[in-house]
């Protein structure tokens, strides 16, 4: 009798382990089922004497988007900001996995600036790329240098897709944080 109870416990334990394993594998497959293989973070941060201000866009592989606003040491925390359309999600995935983004240097733009700079950083999976502008410089003006133009074009395409359909400006308790 004692051995049958023992075997029931063993079978129950093995069943629970298998169920846990199957659930984990299923969850991993669900996360990477869409066009994006990892989450995307786009951070636009402008340094100033108060520490800086900026906007962080976060896109989950499912297309759910949230935004976080920084001003000095204050932050709003992540606030839901809609869902990217399926075709935009596919375009974003192809841009992030294409040569145009993958072959960019880790940092480009006005990298010589040490202070008063505006950084736009895109993180996708284990890749991170940063484009540096001088403070107050517009992301709208196309650079003259062909190498800078290549990086600028890639960053601009991705930034437009990440923020597409969201409000043009988000008001914080401090200064207005602009979208890239």
N, C-alpha and C. Protein backbone atom coordinates (compact mmCIF):
# COMPACT_ATOMS: atom_id res chain seq x y z
N UNK A 1 0.81 -1.19 0.00
CA UNK A 1 0.00 0.00 0.00
C UNK A 1 0.86 1.26 0.00
N UNK A 2 1.88 1.19 0.79
CA UNK A 2 2.74 2.35 0.87
C UNK A 2 3.41 2.61 -0.47
N UNK A 3 3.76 1.58 -1.22
CA UNK A 3 4.43 1.77 -2.50
C UNK A 3 3.47 2.35 -3.55
N UNK A 4 2.19 2.00 -3.52
CA UNK A 4 1.27 2.58 -4.51
C UNK A 4 1.04 4.06 -4.22
N UNK A 5 1.00 4.45 -2.97
CA UNK A 5 0.88 5.87 -2.62
C UNK A 5 2.13 6.63 -3.05
N UNK A 6 3.26 5.96 -2.88
CA UNK A 6 4.54 6.56 -3.28
C UNK A 6 4.54 6.79 -4.80
N UNK A 7 4.11 5.81 -5.57
CA UNK A 7 4.09 5.93 -7.02
C UNK A 7 3.08 6.97 -7.48
N UNK A 8 1.97 7.08 -6.78
CA UNK A 8 1.00 8.12 -7.13
C UNK A 8 1.62 9.51 -6.95
N UNK A 9 2.34 9.68 -5.86
CA UNK A 9 3.01 10.97 -5.61
C UNK A 9 4.07 11.25 -6.68
N UNK A 10 4.83 10.21 -7.05
CA UNK A 10 5.85 10.38 -8.08
C UNK A 10 5.20 10.76 -9.40
N UNK A 11 4.12 10.04 -9.77
CA UNK A 11 3.42 10.34 -11.03
C UNK A 11 2.84 11.75 -11.01
N UNK A 12 2.27 12.14 -9.88
CA UNK A 12 1.72 13.49 -9.74
C UNK A 12 2.82 14.54 -9.90
N UNK A 13 3.95 14.31 -9.27
CA UNK A 13 5.09 15.23 -9.35
C UNK A 13 5.59 15.34 -10.80
N UNK A 14 5.78 14.19 -11.47
CA UNK A 14 6.25 14.18 -12.85
C UNK A 14 5.24 14.91 -13.75
N UNK A 15 3.95 14.69 -13.52
CA UNK A 15 2.92 15.38 -14.29
C UNK A 15 2.98 16.88 -14.11
N UNK A 16 3.20 17.32 -12.88
CA UNK A 16 3.30 18.77 -12.60
C UNK A 16 4.53 19.37 -13.29
N UNK A 17 5.64 18.64 -13.25
CA UNK A 17 6.87 19.12 -13.90
C UNK A 17 6.64 19.24 -15.41
N UNK A 18 6.03 18.23 -16.02
CA UNK A 18 5.75 18.26 -17.46
C UNK A 18 4.79 19.40 -17.81
N UNK A 19 3.77 19.60 -17.01
CA UNK A 19 2.82 20.68 -17.24
C UNK A 19 3.53 22.03 -17.16
N UNK A 20 4.40 22.19 -16.17
CA UNK A 20 5.16 23.43 -16.02
C UNK A 20 6.06 23.66 -17.22
N UNK A 21 6.73 22.62 -17.67
CA UNK A 21 7.62 22.72 -18.84
C UNK A 21 6.82 23.11 -20.08
N UNK A 22 5.70 22.45 -20.32
CA UNK A 22 4.87 22.74 -21.50
C UNK A 22 4.34 24.16 -21.46
N UNK A 23 3.95 24.64 -20.29
CA UNK A 23 3.46 26.01 -20.14
C UNK A 23 4.56 27.01 -20.46
N UNK A 24 5.78 26.75 -19.98
CA UNK A 24 6.91 27.64 -20.23
C UNK A 24 7.24 27.69 -21.72
N UNK A 25 7.31 26.53 -22.37
CA UNK A 25 7.61 26.48 -23.79
C UNK A 25 6.52 27.19 -24.58
N UNK A 26 5.26 26.99 -24.22
CA UNK A 26 4.14 27.64 -24.90
C UNK A 26 4.23 29.15 -24.75
N UNK A 27 4.55 29.64 -23.56
CA UNK A 27 4.67 31.08 -23.32
C UNK A 27 5.81 31.67 -24.14
N UNK A 28 6.93 30.95 -24.25
CA UNK A 28 8.05 31.45 -25.04
C UNK A 28 7.68 31.52 -26.51
N UNK A 29 6.97 30.53 -27.01
CA UNK A 29 6.56 30.54 -28.41
C UNK A 29 5.57 31.66 -28.68
N UNK A 30 4.68 31.95 -27.73
CA UNK A 30 3.69 33.02 -27.89
C UNK A 30 4.40 34.37 -27.97
N UNK A 31 5.43 34.58 -27.15
CA UNK A 31 6.12 35.86 -27.13
C UNK A 31 6.81 36.17 -28.46
N UNK A 32 7.31 35.17 -29.15
CA UNK A 32 8.05 35.43 -30.37
C UNK A 32 7.25 35.07 -31.62
N UNK A 33 5.95 34.89 -31.49
CA UNK A 33 5.11 34.48 -32.61
C UNK A 33 4.94 35.61 -33.63
N UNK A 34 4.88 36.85 -33.18
CA UNK A 34 4.68 37.98 -34.08
C UNK A 34 5.94 38.33 -34.84
N UNK A 35 5.90 39.41 -35.62
CA UNK A 35 7.06 39.79 -36.42
C UNK A 35 8.25 40.26 -35.59
N UNK A 36 8.00 40.88 -34.42
CA UNK A 36 9.10 41.31 -33.57
C UNK A 36 9.58 40.14 -32.71
N UNK A 37 10.89 39.93 -32.70
CA UNK A 37 11.45 38.83 -31.92
C UNK A 37 11.78 39.25 -30.49
N UNK A 38 11.75 40.54 -30.23
CA UNK A 38 12.05 41.07 -28.90
C UNK A 38 11.36 42.42 -28.75
N UNK A 39 11.34 42.94 -27.54
CA UNK A 39 10.74 44.26 -27.32
C UNK A 39 11.67 45.34 -27.88
N UNK A 40 11.10 46.49 -28.14
CA UNK A 40 11.84 47.63 -28.70
C UNK A 40 11.71 48.79 -27.72
N UNK A 41 12.82 49.45 -27.44
CA UNK A 41 12.80 50.66 -26.62
C UNK A 41 13.46 51.78 -27.42
N UNK A 42 12.77 52.89 -27.53
CA UNK A 42 13.33 54.06 -28.17
C UNK A 42 13.36 55.16 -27.11
N UNK A 43 14.54 55.63 -26.78
CA UNK A 43 14.71 56.66 -25.76
C UNK A 43 15.26 57.92 -26.41
N UNK A 44 14.51 59.01 -26.27
CA UNK A 44 15.00 60.32 -26.69
C UNK A 44 15.26 61.10 -25.42
N UNK A 45 16.52 61.48 -25.20
CA UNK A 45 16.89 62.14 -23.95
C UNK A 45 17.74 63.36 -24.25
N UNK A 46 17.32 64.51 -23.73
CA UNK A 46 18.06 65.75 -23.90
C UNK A 46 18.64 66.17 -22.56
N UNK A 47 19.97 66.24 -22.52
CA UNK A 47 20.66 66.60 -21.28
C UNK A 47 20.59 68.11 -21.05
N UNK A 48 20.45 68.49 -19.78
CA UNK A 48 20.52 69.91 -19.42
C UNK A 48 21.01 70.02 -17.99
N UNK A 49 21.07 71.24 -17.46
CA UNK A 49 21.60 71.46 -16.11
C UNK A 49 20.79 70.76 -15.03
N UNK A 50 19.49 70.53 -15.27
CA UNK A 50 18.62 69.88 -14.28
C UNK A 50 18.69 68.36 -14.37
N UNK A 51 19.52 67.85 -15.26
CA UNK A 51 19.63 66.41 -15.42
C UNK A 51 19.14 65.94 -16.76
N UNK A 52 18.11 66.59 -17.28
CA UNK A 52 17.62 66.25 -18.60
C UNK A 52 16.15 65.90 -18.61
N UNK A 53 15.64 65.76 -19.81
CA UNK A 53 14.25 65.37 -19.98
C UNK A 53 14.17 64.49 -21.21
N UNK A 54 13.13 63.70 -21.27
CA UNK A 54 13.02 62.83 -22.43
C UNK A 54 11.77 61.98 -22.43
N UNK A 55 11.69 61.16 -23.47
CA UNK A 55 10.56 60.26 -23.67
C UNK A 55 11.13 58.88 -23.96
N UNK A 56 10.56 57.87 -23.34
CA UNK A 56 10.94 56.49 -23.63
C UNK A 56 9.72 55.76 -24.17
N UNK A 57 9.81 55.29 -25.41
CA UNK A 57 8.77 54.49 -26.02
C UNK A 57 9.15 53.03 -25.86
N UNK A 58 8.20 52.21 -25.49
CA UNK A 58 8.46 50.77 -25.30
C UNK A 58 7.40 50.01 -26.09
N UNK A 59 7.85 49.12 -26.96
CA UNK A 59 6.92 48.31 -27.75
C UNK A 59 7.19 46.84 -27.48
N UNK A 60 6.15 46.16 -27.04
CA UNK A 60 6.24 44.72 -26.81
C UNK A 60 6.16 44.00 -28.15
N UNK A 61 6.62 42.74 -28.21
CA UNK A 61 6.53 41.99 -29.47
C UNK A 61 5.09 41.90 -30.00
N UNK A 62 4.10 42.00 -29.13
CA UNK A 62 2.69 41.95 -29.55
C UNK A 62 2.24 43.23 -30.23
N UNK A 63 3.03 44.31 -30.10
CA UNK A 63 2.66 45.60 -30.69
C UNK A 63 2.11 46.58 -29.67
N UNK A 64 1.87 46.13 -28.43
CA UNK A 64 1.42 47.06 -27.38
C UNK A 64 2.52 48.07 -27.12
N UNK A 65 2.11 49.34 -27.05
CA UNK A 65 3.08 50.42 -26.89
C UNK A 65 2.78 51.16 -25.58
N UNK A 66 3.85 51.55 -24.90
CA UNK A 66 3.70 52.40 -23.72
C UNK A 66 4.76 53.49 -23.80
N UNK A 67 4.54 54.55 -23.03
CA UNK A 67 5.45 55.68 -23.04
C UNK A 67 5.76 56.09 -21.61
N UNK A 68 6.97 56.56 -21.41
CA UNK A 68 7.42 57.02 -20.09
C UNK A 68 8.07 58.39 -20.32
N UNK A 69 7.67 59.38 -19.53
CA UNK A 69 8.18 60.74 -19.67
C UNK A 69 9.14 61.04 -18.51
N UNK A 70 10.31 61.60 -18.83
CA UNK A 70 11.30 61.99 -17.83
C UNK A 70 11.42 63.50 -17.80
N UNK A 71 11.56 64.06 -16.62
CA UNK A 71 11.85 65.47 -16.48
C UNK A 71 12.65 65.64 -15.20
N UNK A 72 13.94 65.96 -15.36
CA UNK A 72 14.82 66.01 -14.19
C UNK A 72 14.87 64.64 -13.56
N UNK A 73 14.56 64.55 -12.30
CA UNK A 73 14.56 63.26 -11.60
C UNK A 73 13.18 62.63 -11.56
N UNK A 74 12.17 63.32 -12.11
CA UNK A 74 10.79 62.80 -12.10
C UNK A 74 10.53 61.95 -13.33
N UNK A 75 9.62 61.01 -13.16
CA UNK A 75 9.22 60.15 -14.26
C UNK A 75 7.75 59.78 -14.08
N UNK A 76 7.04 59.62 -15.18
CA UNK A 76 5.63 59.27 -15.08
C UNK A 76 5.41 57.78 -14.85
N UNK A 77 6.41 56.96 -15.07
CA UNK A 77 6.18 55.53 -15.11
C UNK A 77 5.59 55.22 -16.48
N UNK A 78 5.55 53.97 -16.83
CA UNK A 78 5.03 53.61 -18.17
C UNK A 78 3.51 53.77 -18.23
N UNK A 79 3.05 54.45 -19.27
CA UNK A 79 1.63 54.68 -19.50
C UNK A 79 1.27 54.04 -20.84
N UNK A 80 0.23 53.19 -20.88
CA UNK A 80 -0.16 52.60 -22.17
C UNK A 80 -0.43 53.67 -23.22
N UNK A 81 -0.01 53.40 -24.44
CA UNK A 81 -0.14 54.39 -25.50
C UNK A 81 -0.60 53.75 -26.81
N UNK A 82 -1.47 52.76 -26.72
CA UNK A 82 -2.03 52.16 -27.92
C UNK A 82 -1.28 50.94 -28.40
N UNK A 83 -1.66 50.50 -29.59
CA UNK A 83 -1.10 49.30 -30.20
C UNK A 83 -0.70 49.65 -31.62
N UNK A 84 0.48 49.20 -32.05
CA UNK A 84 0.90 49.41 -33.42
C UNK A 84 0.06 48.54 -34.35
N UNK A 85 -0.29 49.08 -35.50
CA UNK A 85 -1.03 48.30 -36.49
C UNK A 85 -0.14 47.16 -36.99
N UNK A 86 -0.77 46.09 -37.44
CA UNK A 86 -0.04 44.90 -37.88
C UNK A 86 0.99 45.23 -38.98
N UNK A 87 0.59 46.04 -39.96
CA UNK A 87 1.54 46.35 -41.05
C UNK A 87 2.70 47.20 -40.54
N UNK A 88 2.45 48.10 -39.57
CA UNK A 88 3.53 48.90 -38.99
C UNK A 88 4.47 48.02 -38.17
N UNK A 89 3.91 47.03 -37.48
CA UNK A 89 4.71 46.09 -36.70
C UNK A 89 5.63 45.29 -37.63
N UNK A 90 5.13 44.86 -38.77
CA UNK A 90 5.94 44.12 -39.74
C UNK A 90 7.04 45.01 -40.33
N UNK A 91 6.69 46.27 -40.64
CA UNK A 91 7.70 47.20 -41.17
C UNK A 91 8.79 47.47 -40.14
N UNK A 92 8.36 47.66 -38.88
CA UNK A 92 9.33 47.91 -37.81
C UNK A 92 10.27 46.72 -37.65
N UNK A 93 9.73 45.51 -37.66
CA UNK A 93 10.55 44.31 -37.54
C UNK A 93 11.54 44.21 -38.69
N UNK A 94 11.09 44.49 -39.91
CA UNK A 94 12.01 44.38 -41.06
C UNK A 94 13.10 45.46 -40.99
N UNK A 95 12.78 46.64 -40.49
CA UNK A 95 13.80 47.68 -40.32
C UNK A 95 14.83 47.29 -39.26
N UNK A 96 14.35 46.77 -38.13
CA UNK A 96 15.25 46.43 -37.03
C UNK A 96 16.11 45.21 -37.31
N UNK A 97 15.64 44.33 -38.16
CA UNK A 97 16.40 43.13 -38.47
C UNK A 97 17.15 43.25 -39.79
N UNK A 98 16.94 44.35 -40.50
CA UNK A 98 17.60 44.56 -41.78
C UNK A 98 19.00 45.13 -41.61
N UNK A 99 19.74 45.11 -42.70
CA UNK A 99 21.13 45.58 -42.69
C UNK A 99 21.24 47.05 -42.31
N UNK A 100 20.24 47.83 -42.70
CA UNK A 100 20.28 49.28 -42.45
C UNK A 100 20.47 49.59 -40.96
N UNK A 101 19.84 48.81 -40.08
CA UNK A 101 19.97 49.02 -38.63
C UNK A 101 21.13 48.21 -38.06
N UNK A 102 21.22 46.95 -38.42
CA UNK A 102 22.22 46.04 -37.85
C UNK A 102 23.64 46.54 -38.11
N UNK A 103 23.88 47.11 -39.28
CA UNK A 103 25.23 47.55 -39.63
C UNK A 103 25.58 48.95 -39.13
N UNK A 104 24.65 49.62 -38.46
CA UNK A 104 24.97 50.94 -37.91
C UNK A 104 26.01 50.82 -36.81
N UNK A 105 26.86 51.84 -36.65
CA UNK A 105 27.78 51.82 -35.51
C UNK A 105 26.98 51.97 -34.21
N UNK A 106 27.55 51.55 -33.10
CA UNK A 106 26.84 51.64 -31.82
C UNK A 106 26.44 53.07 -31.50
N UNK A 107 27.26 54.03 -31.92
CA UNK A 107 26.94 55.44 -31.70
C UNK A 107 27.33 56.23 -32.95
N UNK A 108 26.42 57.10 -33.40
CA UNK A 108 26.70 57.92 -34.58
C UNK A 108 26.15 59.32 -34.34
N UNK A 109 26.40 60.20 -35.28
CA UNK A 109 25.97 61.59 -35.13
C UNK A 109 27.09 62.42 -34.52
N UNK A 110 26.73 63.35 -33.67
CA UNK A 110 27.71 64.27 -33.06
C UNK A 110 28.28 63.63 -31.78
N UNK A 111 28.98 62.54 -31.97
CA UNK A 111 29.49 61.76 -30.84
C UNK A 111 30.58 62.49 -30.05
N UNK A 112 31.18 63.51 -30.63
CA UNK A 112 32.21 64.28 -29.95
C UNK A 112 31.65 65.14 -28.83
N UNK A 113 30.34 65.39 -28.83
CA UNK A 113 29.72 66.22 -27.78
C UNK A 113 29.71 65.45 -26.46
N UNK A 114 30.13 66.10 -25.40
CA UNK A 114 30.11 65.48 -24.08
C UNK A 114 29.01 66.03 -23.19
N UNK A 115 28.58 67.25 -23.47
CA UNK A 115 27.50 67.87 -22.69
C UNK A 115 26.50 68.50 -23.65
N UNK A 116 25.36 68.88 -23.11
CA UNK A 116 24.31 69.54 -23.90
C UNK A 116 24.02 68.80 -25.20
N UNK A 117 23.74 67.55 -25.06
CA UNK A 117 23.45 66.77 -26.25
C UNK A 117 22.09 66.09 -26.15
N UNK A 118 21.59 65.73 -27.27
CA UNK A 118 20.32 65.03 -27.38
C UNK A 118 20.60 63.64 -27.96
N UNK A 119 20.28 62.61 -27.20
CA UNK A 119 20.56 61.23 -27.63
C UNK A 119 19.26 60.52 -27.98
N UNK A 120 19.26 59.84 -29.10
CA UNK A 120 18.14 58.97 -29.47
C UNK A 120 18.72 57.56 -29.50
N UNK A 121 18.25 56.71 -28.60
CA UNK A 121 18.78 55.35 -28.48
C UNK A 121 17.68 54.35 -28.78
N UNK A 122 18.01 53.38 -29.61
CA UNK A 122 17.08 52.30 -29.94
C UNK A 122 17.69 50.99 -29.45
N UNK A 123 16.94 50.30 -28.61
CA UNK A 123 17.34 48.97 -28.12
C UNK A 123 16.37 47.95 -28.70
N UNK A 124 16.94 46.91 -29.31
CA UNK A 124 16.13 45.83 -29.85
C UNK A 124 16.87 44.53 -29.57
N UNK A 125 16.29 43.70 -28.72
CA UNK A 125 16.98 42.48 -28.33
C UNK A 125 18.29 42.85 -27.66
N UNK A 126 19.38 42.31 -28.15
CA UNK A 126 20.70 42.60 -27.58
C UNK A 126 21.43 43.72 -28.31
N UNK A 127 20.76 44.33 -29.29
CA UNK A 127 21.37 45.41 -30.06
C UNK A 127 20.95 46.77 -29.51
N UNK A 128 21.90 47.68 -29.50
CA UNK A 128 21.62 49.04 -29.05
C UNK A 128 22.37 50.01 -29.96
N UNK A 129 21.66 51.01 -30.48
CA UNK A 129 22.25 52.01 -31.34
C UNK A 129 21.82 53.39 -30.85
N UNK A 130 22.76 54.36 -30.90
CA UNK A 130 22.48 55.72 -30.43
C UNK A 130 22.87 56.73 -31.50
N UNK A 131 22.00 57.71 -31.70
CA UNK A 131 22.29 58.83 -32.60
C UNK A 131 22.34 60.08 -31.73
N UNK A 132 23.41 60.87 -31.86
CA UNK A 132 23.61 62.04 -31.01
C UNK A 132 23.44 63.32 -31.82
N UNK A 133 22.62 64.23 -31.28
CA UNK A 133 22.43 65.56 -31.84
C UNK A 133 22.87 66.58 -30.80
N UNK A 134 23.13 67.81 -31.23
CA UNK A 134 23.40 68.85 -30.23
C UNK A 134 22.06 69.28 -29.64
N UNK A 135 22.09 69.80 -28.41
CA UNK A 135 20.87 70.20 -27.73
C UNK A 135 20.11 71.23 -28.56
N UNK A 136 18.82 71.03 -28.71
CA UNK A 136 17.99 71.94 -29.48
C UNK A 136 18.01 71.67 -30.97
N UNK A 137 18.92 70.82 -31.44
CA UNK A 137 18.99 70.51 -32.86
C UNK A 137 17.79 69.66 -33.26
N UNK A 138 17.24 69.95 -34.39
CA UNK A 138 16.05 69.25 -34.87
C UNK A 138 16.41 67.93 -35.53
N UNK A 139 15.59 66.94 -35.30
CA UNK A 139 15.75 65.64 -35.95
C UNK A 139 15.17 65.69 -37.36
N UNK A 140 14.57 66.84 -37.70
CA UNK A 140 13.94 67.01 -39.00
C UNK A 140 14.96 67.35 -40.09
N UNK A 141 16.05 68.03 -39.73
CA UNK A 141 17.01 68.49 -40.73
C UNK A 141 17.97 67.36 -41.12
N UNK A 142 18.01 67.06 -42.38
CA UNK A 142 18.84 65.97 -42.91
C UNK A 142 20.31 66.39 -42.93
N UNK A 143 21.21 65.55 -42.37
CA UNK A 143 22.64 65.90 -42.37
C UNK A 143 23.25 65.90 -43.78
N UNK A 144 24.28 66.70 -43.97
CA UNK A 144 24.97 66.78 -45.26
C UNK A 144 25.90 65.58 -45.47
N UNK A 145 26.58 65.15 -44.42
CA UNK A 145 27.54 64.06 -44.50
C UNK A 145 26.84 62.75 -44.88
N UNK A 146 27.30 62.05 -45.94
CA UNK A 146 26.64 60.83 -46.40
C UNK A 146 26.58 59.71 -45.34
N UNK A 147 27.64 59.54 -44.55
CA UNK A 147 27.63 58.50 -43.51
C UNK A 147 26.64 58.83 -42.40
N UNK A 148 26.61 60.11 -42.00
CA UNK A 148 25.63 60.53 -40.99
C UNK A 148 24.22 60.40 -41.53
N UNK A 149 24.04 60.73 -42.80
CA UNK A 149 22.73 60.65 -43.42
C UNK A 149 22.18 59.22 -43.39
N UNK A 150 23.05 58.25 -43.59
CA UNK A 150 22.65 56.84 -43.57
C UNK A 150 22.10 56.46 -42.19
N UNK A 151 22.82 56.82 -41.14
CA UNK A 151 22.38 56.53 -39.77
C UNK A 151 21.12 57.32 -39.44
N UNK A 152 21.10 58.60 -39.80
CA UNK A 152 19.96 59.48 -39.53
C UNK A 152 18.70 58.91 -40.18
N UNK A 153 18.81 58.45 -41.43
CA UNK A 153 17.66 57.90 -42.15
C UNK A 153 17.10 56.67 -41.43
N UNK A 154 17.99 55.76 -41.00
CA UNK A 154 17.54 54.55 -40.30
C UNK A 154 16.85 54.92 -38.99
N UNK A 155 17.44 55.82 -38.21
CA UNK A 155 16.85 56.23 -36.93
C UNK A 155 15.51 56.91 -37.15
N UNK A 156 15.43 57.76 -38.14
CA UNK A 156 14.20 58.50 -38.40
C UNK A 156 13.06 57.57 -38.79
N UNK A 157 13.32 56.60 -39.66
CA UNK A 157 12.29 55.64 -40.06
C UNK A 157 11.75 54.88 -38.86
N UNK A 158 12.65 54.40 -38.02
CA UNK A 158 12.25 53.61 -36.85
C UNK A 158 11.49 54.48 -35.86
N UNK A 159 12.00 55.70 -35.59
CA UNK A 159 11.35 56.60 -34.64
C UNK A 159 9.94 56.95 -35.09
N UNK A 160 9.75 57.17 -36.38
CA UNK A 160 8.41 57.50 -36.89
C UNK A 160 7.44 56.34 -36.70
N UNK A 161 7.91 55.11 -36.92
CA UNK A 161 7.04 53.95 -36.73
C UNK A 161 6.69 53.74 -35.27
N UNK A 162 7.68 53.91 -34.39
CA UNK A 162 7.46 53.70 -32.96
C UNK A 162 6.41 54.67 -32.41
N UNK A 163 6.47 55.92 -32.84
CA UNK A 163 5.57 56.93 -32.29
C UNK A 163 4.34 57.17 -33.16
N UNK A 164 4.18 56.43 -34.25
CA UNK A 164 3.08 56.64 -35.19
C UNK A 164 1.72 56.51 -34.49
N UNK A 165 0.86 57.48 -34.74
CA UNK A 165 -0.49 57.43 -34.20
C UNK A 165 -0.62 57.96 -32.79
N UNK A 166 0.49 58.26 -32.13
CA UNK A 166 0.42 58.80 -30.77
C UNK A 166 0.31 60.32 -30.85
N UNK A 167 -0.02 60.94 -29.73
CA UNK A 167 -0.11 62.40 -29.70
C UNK A 167 1.23 63.00 -30.07
N UNK A 168 1.22 64.14 -30.71
CA UNK A 168 2.45 64.78 -31.17
C UNK A 168 3.30 65.28 -30.00
N UNK A 169 2.67 65.75 -28.96
CA UNK A 169 3.41 66.21 -27.79
C UNK A 169 2.74 65.68 -26.53
N UNK A 170 3.53 65.37 -25.54
CA UNK A 170 3.01 64.89 -24.27
C UNK A 170 3.44 65.88 -23.20
N UNK A 171 2.48 66.46 -22.49
CA UNK A 171 2.78 67.46 -21.47
C UNK A 171 3.09 66.78 -20.14
N UNK A 172 4.21 67.11 -19.54
CA UNK A 172 4.54 66.61 -18.21
C UNK A 172 4.35 67.75 -17.22
N UNK A 173 4.67 67.50 -15.97
CA UNK A 173 4.59 68.56 -14.97
C UNK A 173 5.67 69.61 -15.21
N UNK A 174 6.67 69.25 -15.98
CA UNK A 174 7.74 70.18 -16.31
C UNK A 174 7.64 70.57 -17.77
N UNK A 175 8.76 70.51 -18.50
CA UNK A 175 8.75 70.93 -19.90
C UNK A 175 8.02 69.90 -20.77
N UNK A 176 7.70 70.32 -21.99
CA UNK A 176 7.06 69.43 -22.94
C UNK A 176 8.11 68.50 -23.53
N UNK A 177 7.83 67.22 -23.55
CA UNK A 177 8.74 66.24 -24.15
C UNK A 177 8.26 65.96 -25.56
N UNK A 178 9.10 66.15 -26.53
CA UNK A 178 8.74 65.95 -27.94
C UNK A 178 9.00 64.51 -28.34
N UNK A 179 8.22 64.06 -29.32
CA UNK A 179 8.49 62.76 -29.92
C UNK A 179 9.62 62.94 -30.91
N UNK A 180 10.38 61.88 -31.16
CA UNK A 180 11.47 61.99 -32.13
C UNK A 180 10.95 62.19 -33.54
